[in-house]
Amino acid sequence: MSQTPEPEATPEPANLRFLRVLVTVLTAVMIAGLLTILAVIVIQFRNARAPLPEVITLPSGATASAYTQGSDWYAVVTNDDRILIFDRASGDLRQEMQVQTAE
C-alpha cells in the first residue's frame, strides 16, 4: 500500500478573507437599515391624529350626505346644503356655511 501524504492546510488567500469581512459588514448594515426603517414606521404611527368621535351630533333636522376631515377639524355636508365644520378635539361646531345652488 502506498502512503499518500496528507495535504497540507494552505493558508487562506487575503482576497478571500477580505471578501468574508465585506459580506459580514454588508449583512450588518442591511440589518441595521431594516431596523431603522421599522423604527421610523412605528414612530410615524404613534404620531397619529386625535380620533374622531364615535357619534357626531348634528343640529336638529340635519341629515349627513358627505364627510371630510382635516388635521384638526372634520366637516359634514348635510342634505339641506349646509357645511358644518367641527373641532376634532372638542367636537364643538366651529363654523356653518350655507351652499348656494346654481340656478
N, C-alpha and C. Protein backbone atom coordinates (compact mmCIF):
# COMPACT_ATOMS: atom_id res chain seq x y z
N MET A 1 0.81 -1.17 0.00
CA MET A 1 0.00 0.00 0.00
C MET A 1 0.87 1.24 0.00
N SER A 2 0.43 2.12 -0.85
CA SER A 2 1.21 3.35 -0.91
C SER A 2 0.61 4.37 0.04
N GLN A 3 1.46 5.01 0.61
CA GLN A 3 1.04 6.04 1.56
C GLN A 3 0.96 7.37 0.82
N THR A 4 -0.24 7.96 0.82
CA THR A 4 -0.36 9.29 0.21
C THR A 4 -0.19 10.32 1.30
N PRO A 5 0.59 11.29 1.02
CA PRO A 5 0.81 12.30 2.07
C PRO A 5 -0.45 13.13 2.30
N GLU A 6 -0.64 13.50 3.54
CA GLU A 6 -1.77 14.36 3.91
C GLU A 6 -1.58 15.72 3.23
N PRO A 7 -2.65 16.25 2.63
CA PRO A 7 -2.49 17.59 2.04
C PRO A 7 -2.31 18.62 3.14
N GLU A 8 -1.38 19.46 2.91
CA GLU A 8 -1.10 20.50 3.91
C GLU A 8 -2.19 21.57 3.83
N ALA A 9 -2.53 22.09 4.97
CA ALA A 9 -3.51 23.16 5.02
C ALA A 9 -2.89 24.40 4.42
N THR A 10 -3.49 24.86 3.33
CA THR A 10 -2.95 26.05 2.70
C THR A 10 -3.56 27.27 3.37
N PRO A 11 -2.79 28.29 3.56
CA PRO A 11 -3.33 29.49 4.19
C PRO A 11 -4.39 30.14 3.30
N GLU A 12 -5.37 30.76 3.94
CA GLU A 12 -6.45 31.40 3.23
C GLU A 12 -5.92 32.64 2.49
N PRO A 13 -6.26 32.79 1.22
CA PRO A 13 -5.78 33.97 0.50
C PRO A 13 -6.35 35.25 1.10
N ALA A 14 -5.61 36.31 0.98
CA ALA A 14 -6.02 37.60 1.56
C ALA A 14 -7.30 38.10 0.91
N ASN A 15 -7.46 37.84 -0.39
CA ASN A 15 -8.68 38.31 -1.07
C ASN A 15 -9.92 37.62 -0.52
N LEU A 16 -9.83 36.34 -0.22
CA LEU A 16 -10.96 35.61 0.32
C LEU A 16 -11.31 36.09 1.73
N ARG A 17 -10.30 36.37 2.52
CA ARG A 17 -10.52 36.89 3.87
C ARG A 17 -11.21 38.26 3.80
N PHE A 18 -10.75 39.11 2.87
CA PHE A 18 -11.35 40.43 2.69
C PHE A 18 -12.80 40.29 2.25
N LEU A 19 -13.10 39.36 1.36
CA LEU A 19 -14.46 39.15 0.88
C LEU A 19 -15.38 38.69 2.00
N ARG A 20 -14.89 37.84 2.87
CA ARG A 20 -15.71 37.38 4.01
C ARG A 20 -16.04 38.54 4.94
N VAL A 21 -15.06 39.38 5.21
CA VAL A 21 -15.29 40.55 6.07
C VAL A 21 -16.29 41.50 5.40
N LEU A 22 -16.15 41.69 4.10
CA LEU A 22 -17.03 42.58 3.37
C LEU A 22 -18.48 42.08 3.41
N VAL A 23 -18.68 40.79 3.23
CA VAL A 23 -20.03 40.22 3.28
C VAL A 23 -20.61 40.34 4.68
N THR A 24 -19.81 40.13 5.70
CA THR A 24 -20.28 40.26 7.08
C THR A 24 -20.69 41.71 7.38
N VAL A 25 -19.89 42.66 6.95
CA VAL A 25 -20.22 44.08 7.18
C VAL A 25 -21.49 44.45 6.42
N LEU A 26 -21.62 43.99 5.18
CA LEU A 26 -22.81 44.27 4.40
C LEU A 26 -24.06 43.70 5.06
N THR A 27 -23.97 42.52 5.60
CA THR A 27 -25.11 41.92 6.31
C THR A 27 -25.50 42.75 7.52
N ALA A 28 -24.51 43.19 8.27
CA ALA A 28 -24.79 44.01 9.46
C ALA A 28 -25.44 45.34 9.07
N VAL A 29 -24.95 45.96 8.00
CA VAL A 29 -25.53 47.24 7.55
C VAL A 29 -26.97 47.04 7.08
N MET A 30 -27.24 45.96 6.38
CA MET A 30 -28.61 45.70 5.92
C MET A 30 -29.55 45.46 7.09
N ILE A 31 -29.12 44.75 8.10
CA ILE A 31 -29.96 44.51 9.28
C ILE A 31 -30.22 45.83 10.00
N ALA A 32 -29.18 46.66 10.16
CA ALA A 32 -29.36 47.95 10.82
C ALA A 32 -30.31 48.84 10.02
N GLY A 33 -30.21 48.82 8.70
CA GLY A 33 -31.11 49.62 7.87
C GLY A 33 -32.55 49.17 7.99
N LEU A 34 -32.77 47.88 8.00
CA LEU A 34 -34.13 47.35 8.15
C LEU A 34 -34.72 47.74 9.51
N LEU A 35 -33.92 47.65 10.55
CA LEU A 35 -34.41 48.04 11.88
C LEU A 35 -34.71 49.54 11.94
N THR A 36 -33.90 50.34 11.26
CA THR A 36 -34.15 51.78 11.22
C THR A 36 -35.45 52.09 10.50
N ILE A 37 -35.70 51.44 9.38
CA ILE A 37 -36.95 51.66 8.63
C ILE A 37 -38.15 51.25 9.48
N LEU A 38 -38.07 50.13 10.16
CA LEU A 38 -39.17 49.71 11.03
C LEU A 38 -39.40 50.71 12.16
N ALA A 39 -38.33 51.23 12.73
CA ALA A 39 -38.47 52.21 13.81
C ALA A 39 -39.13 53.49 13.31
N VAL A 40 -38.79 53.94 12.12
CA VAL A 40 -39.41 55.15 11.56
C VAL A 40 -40.90 54.92 11.33
N ILE A 41 -41.27 53.75 10.83
CA ILE A 41 -42.69 53.44 10.60
C ILE A 41 -43.45 53.44 11.92
N VAL A 42 -42.90 52.83 12.94
CA VAL A 42 -43.56 52.79 14.25
C VAL A 42 -43.71 54.19 14.82
N ILE A 43 -42.69 55.01 14.69
CA ILE A 43 -42.76 56.39 15.22
C ILE A 43 -43.83 57.18 14.49
N GLN A 44 -43.96 57.01 13.18
CA GLN A 44 -44.97 57.73 12.42
C GLN A 44 -46.38 57.32 12.84
N PHE A 45 -46.61 56.05 13.12
CA PHE A 45 -47.94 55.61 13.55
C PHE A 45 -48.28 56.10 14.95
N ARG A 46 -47.29 56.35 15.76
CA ARG A 46 -47.57 56.86 17.11
C ARG A 46 -48.00 58.31 17.05
N ASN A 47 -47.60 59.04 16.02
CA ASN A 47 -47.97 60.45 15.89
C ASN A 47 -49.29 60.61 15.15
N ALA A 48 -50.19 59.68 15.29
CA ALA A 48 -51.47 59.73 14.59
C ALA A 48 -52.32 60.86 15.16
N ARG A 49 -53.26 61.30 14.36
CA ARG A 49 -54.16 62.37 14.78
C ARG A 49 -55.10 61.89 15.88
N ALA A 50 -55.73 62.84 16.49
CA ALA A 50 -56.73 62.52 17.50
C ALA A 50 -57.88 61.78 16.83
N PRO A 51 -58.44 60.79 17.47
CA PRO A 51 -59.53 60.02 16.84
C PRO A 51 -60.79 60.85 16.71
N LEU A 52 -61.59 60.48 15.76
CA LEU A 52 -62.89 61.13 15.60
C LEU A 52 -63.84 60.62 16.66
N PRO A 53 -64.83 61.42 17.01
CA PRO A 53 -65.80 60.95 17.99
C PRO A 53 -66.62 59.81 17.42
N GLU A 54 -67.09 58.96 18.29
CA GLU A 54 -67.90 57.82 17.84
C GLU A 54 -69.25 58.28 17.31
N VAL A 55 -69.77 59.35 17.88
CA VAL A 55 -71.07 59.87 17.45
C VAL A 55 -70.90 61.35 17.15
N ILE A 56 -71.35 61.77 15.98
CA ILE A 56 -71.33 63.18 15.61
C ILE A 56 -72.76 63.70 15.76
N THR A 57 -72.91 64.68 16.61
CA THR A 57 -74.23 65.24 16.86
C THR A 57 -74.48 66.39 15.90
N LEU A 58 -75.44 66.20 15.01
CA LEU A 58 -75.81 67.23 14.05
C LEU A 58 -76.97 68.04 14.58
N PRO A 59 -77.13 69.27 14.10
CA PRO A 59 -78.30 70.06 14.51
C PRO A 59 -79.59 69.36 14.12
N SER A 60 -80.66 69.71 14.77
CA SER A 60 -81.93 69.01 14.53
C SER A 60 -82.38 69.19 13.08
N GLY A 61 -82.85 68.11 12.50
CA GLY A 61 -83.35 68.14 11.14
C GLY A 61 -82.27 67.95 10.09
N ALA A 62 -81.00 67.92 10.47
CA ALA A 62 -79.91 67.77 9.50
C ALA A 62 -79.59 66.29 9.31
N THR A 63 -79.39 65.91 8.06
CA THR A 63 -79.00 64.54 7.72
C THR A 63 -77.71 64.62 6.92
N ALA A 64 -76.73 63.84 7.31
CA ALA A 64 -75.42 63.89 6.65
C ALA A 64 -75.47 63.26 5.28
N SER A 65 -74.81 63.92 4.31
CA SER A 65 -74.70 63.34 2.98
C SER A 65 -73.25 63.15 2.55
N ALA A 66 -72.32 63.87 3.19
CA ALA A 66 -70.89 63.72 2.87
C ALA A 66 -70.07 64.09 4.10
N TYR A 67 -68.81 63.66 4.07
CA TYR A 67 -67.94 63.86 5.23
C TYR A 67 -66.51 64.06 4.71
N THR A 68 -65.76 64.93 5.36
CA THR A 68 -64.33 65.08 5.07
C THR A 68 -63.64 65.52 6.34
N GLN A 69 -62.29 65.44 6.36
CA GLN A 69 -61.56 65.81 7.57
C GLN A 69 -60.25 66.48 7.23
N GLY A 70 -59.81 67.30 8.16
CA GLY A 70 -58.51 67.96 8.07
C GLY A 70 -57.65 67.56 9.25
N SER A 71 -56.61 68.34 9.50
CA SER A 71 -55.68 67.97 10.58
C SER A 71 -56.31 68.13 11.96
N ASP A 72 -57.10 69.19 12.18
CA ASP A 72 -57.72 69.38 13.50
C ASP A 72 -59.21 69.68 13.39
N TRP A 73 -59.84 69.30 12.29
CA TRP A 73 -61.27 69.52 12.10
C TRP A 73 -61.85 68.42 11.23
N TYR A 74 -63.17 68.33 11.24
CA TYR A 74 -63.88 67.48 10.30
C TYR A 74 -65.15 68.20 9.89
N ALA A 75 -65.61 67.93 8.69
CA ALA A 75 -66.77 68.63 8.15
C ALA A 75 -67.81 67.62 7.68
N VAL A 76 -69.06 68.01 7.85
CA VAL A 76 -70.20 67.20 7.41
C VAL A 76 -71.04 68.06 6.48
N VAL A 77 -71.32 67.52 5.30
CA VAL A 77 -72.23 68.20 4.38
C VAL A 77 -73.60 67.58 4.59
N THR A 78 -74.60 68.44 4.78
CA THR A 78 -75.95 67.96 5.07
C THR A 78 -76.80 67.98 3.80
N ASN A 79 -77.94 67.30 3.86
CA ASN A 79 -78.86 67.25 2.71
C ASN A 79 -79.51 68.59 2.41
N ASP A 80 -79.56 69.48 3.39
CA ASP A 80 -80.14 70.80 3.15
C ASP A 80 -79.08 71.82 2.75
N ASP A 81 -77.99 71.36 2.11
CA ASP A 81 -76.93 72.19 1.53
C ASP A 81 -76.24 73.10 2.54
N ARG A 82 -75.87 72.52 3.66
CA ARG A 82 -75.04 73.23 4.64
C ARG A 82 -73.77 72.44 4.86
N ILE A 83 -72.70 73.15 5.16
CA ILE A 83 -71.43 72.51 5.54
C ILE A 83 -71.18 72.86 7.00
N LEU A 84 -71.08 71.85 7.83
CA LEU A 84 -70.85 72.04 9.26
C LEU A 84 -69.42 71.61 9.57
N ILE A 85 -68.63 72.53 10.11
CA ILE A 85 -67.23 72.23 10.43
C ILE A 85 -67.10 72.13 11.95
N PHE A 86 -66.58 70.99 12.40
CA PHE A 86 -66.45 70.70 13.82
C PHE A 86 -64.98 70.65 14.23
N ASP A 87 -64.70 70.99 15.48
CA ASP A 87 -63.36 70.86 16.04
C ASP A 87 -63.12 69.38 16.37
N ARG A 88 -61.98 68.86 15.98
CA ARG A 88 -61.70 67.44 16.19
C ARG A 88 -61.52 67.11 17.67
N ALA A 89 -60.85 67.96 18.43
CA ALA A 89 -60.56 67.65 19.83
C ALA A 89 -61.80 67.75 20.71
N SER A 90 -62.58 68.83 20.55
CA SER A 90 -63.71 69.03 21.46
C SER A 90 -65.04 68.58 20.87
N GLY A 91 -65.15 68.51 19.55
CA GLY A 91 -66.41 68.14 18.92
C GLY A 91 -67.36 69.31 18.78
N ASP A 92 -66.92 70.53 19.14
CA ASP A 92 -67.77 71.72 19.04
C ASP A 92 -67.88 72.18 17.59
N LEU A 93 -69.02 72.76 17.26
CA LEU A 93 -69.25 73.31 15.93
C LEU A 93 -68.44 74.59 15.79
N ARG A 94 -67.51 74.62 14.84
CA ARG A 94 -66.68 75.80 14.60
C ARG A 94 -67.35 76.78 13.66
N GLN A 95 -67.88 76.23 12.56
CA GLN A 95 -68.40 77.10 11.52
C GLN A 95 -69.51 76.39 10.76
N GLU A 96 -70.47 77.17 10.29
CA GLU A 96 -71.55 76.64 9.48
C GLU A 96 -71.66 77.50 8.24
N MET A 97 -71.70 76.86 7.07
CA MET A 97 -71.80 77.59 5.81
C MET A 97 -72.99 77.07 5.01
N GLN A 98 -73.70 77.98 4.39
CA GLN A 98 -74.81 77.62 3.50
C GLN A 98 -74.27 77.59 2.08
N VAL A 99 -74.51 76.49 1.36
CA VAL A 99 -74.06 76.37 -0.02
C VAL A 99 -75.16 76.91 -0.92
N GLN A 100 -74.80 77.85 -1.80
CA GLN A 100 -75.77 78.43 -2.73
C GLN A 100 -75.83 77.55 -3.98
N THR A 101 -77.01 77.14 -4.35
CA THR A 101 -77.17 76.31 -5.52
C THR A 101 -77.24 77.17 -6.77
N ALA A 102 -76.71 76.66 -7.87
CA ALA A 102 -76.75 77.40 -9.14
C ALA A 102 -78.14 77.31 -9.73
N GLU A 103 -78.59 78.43 -10.28
CA GLU A 103 -79.93 78.44 -10.86
C GLU A 103 -79.86 78.72 -12.32
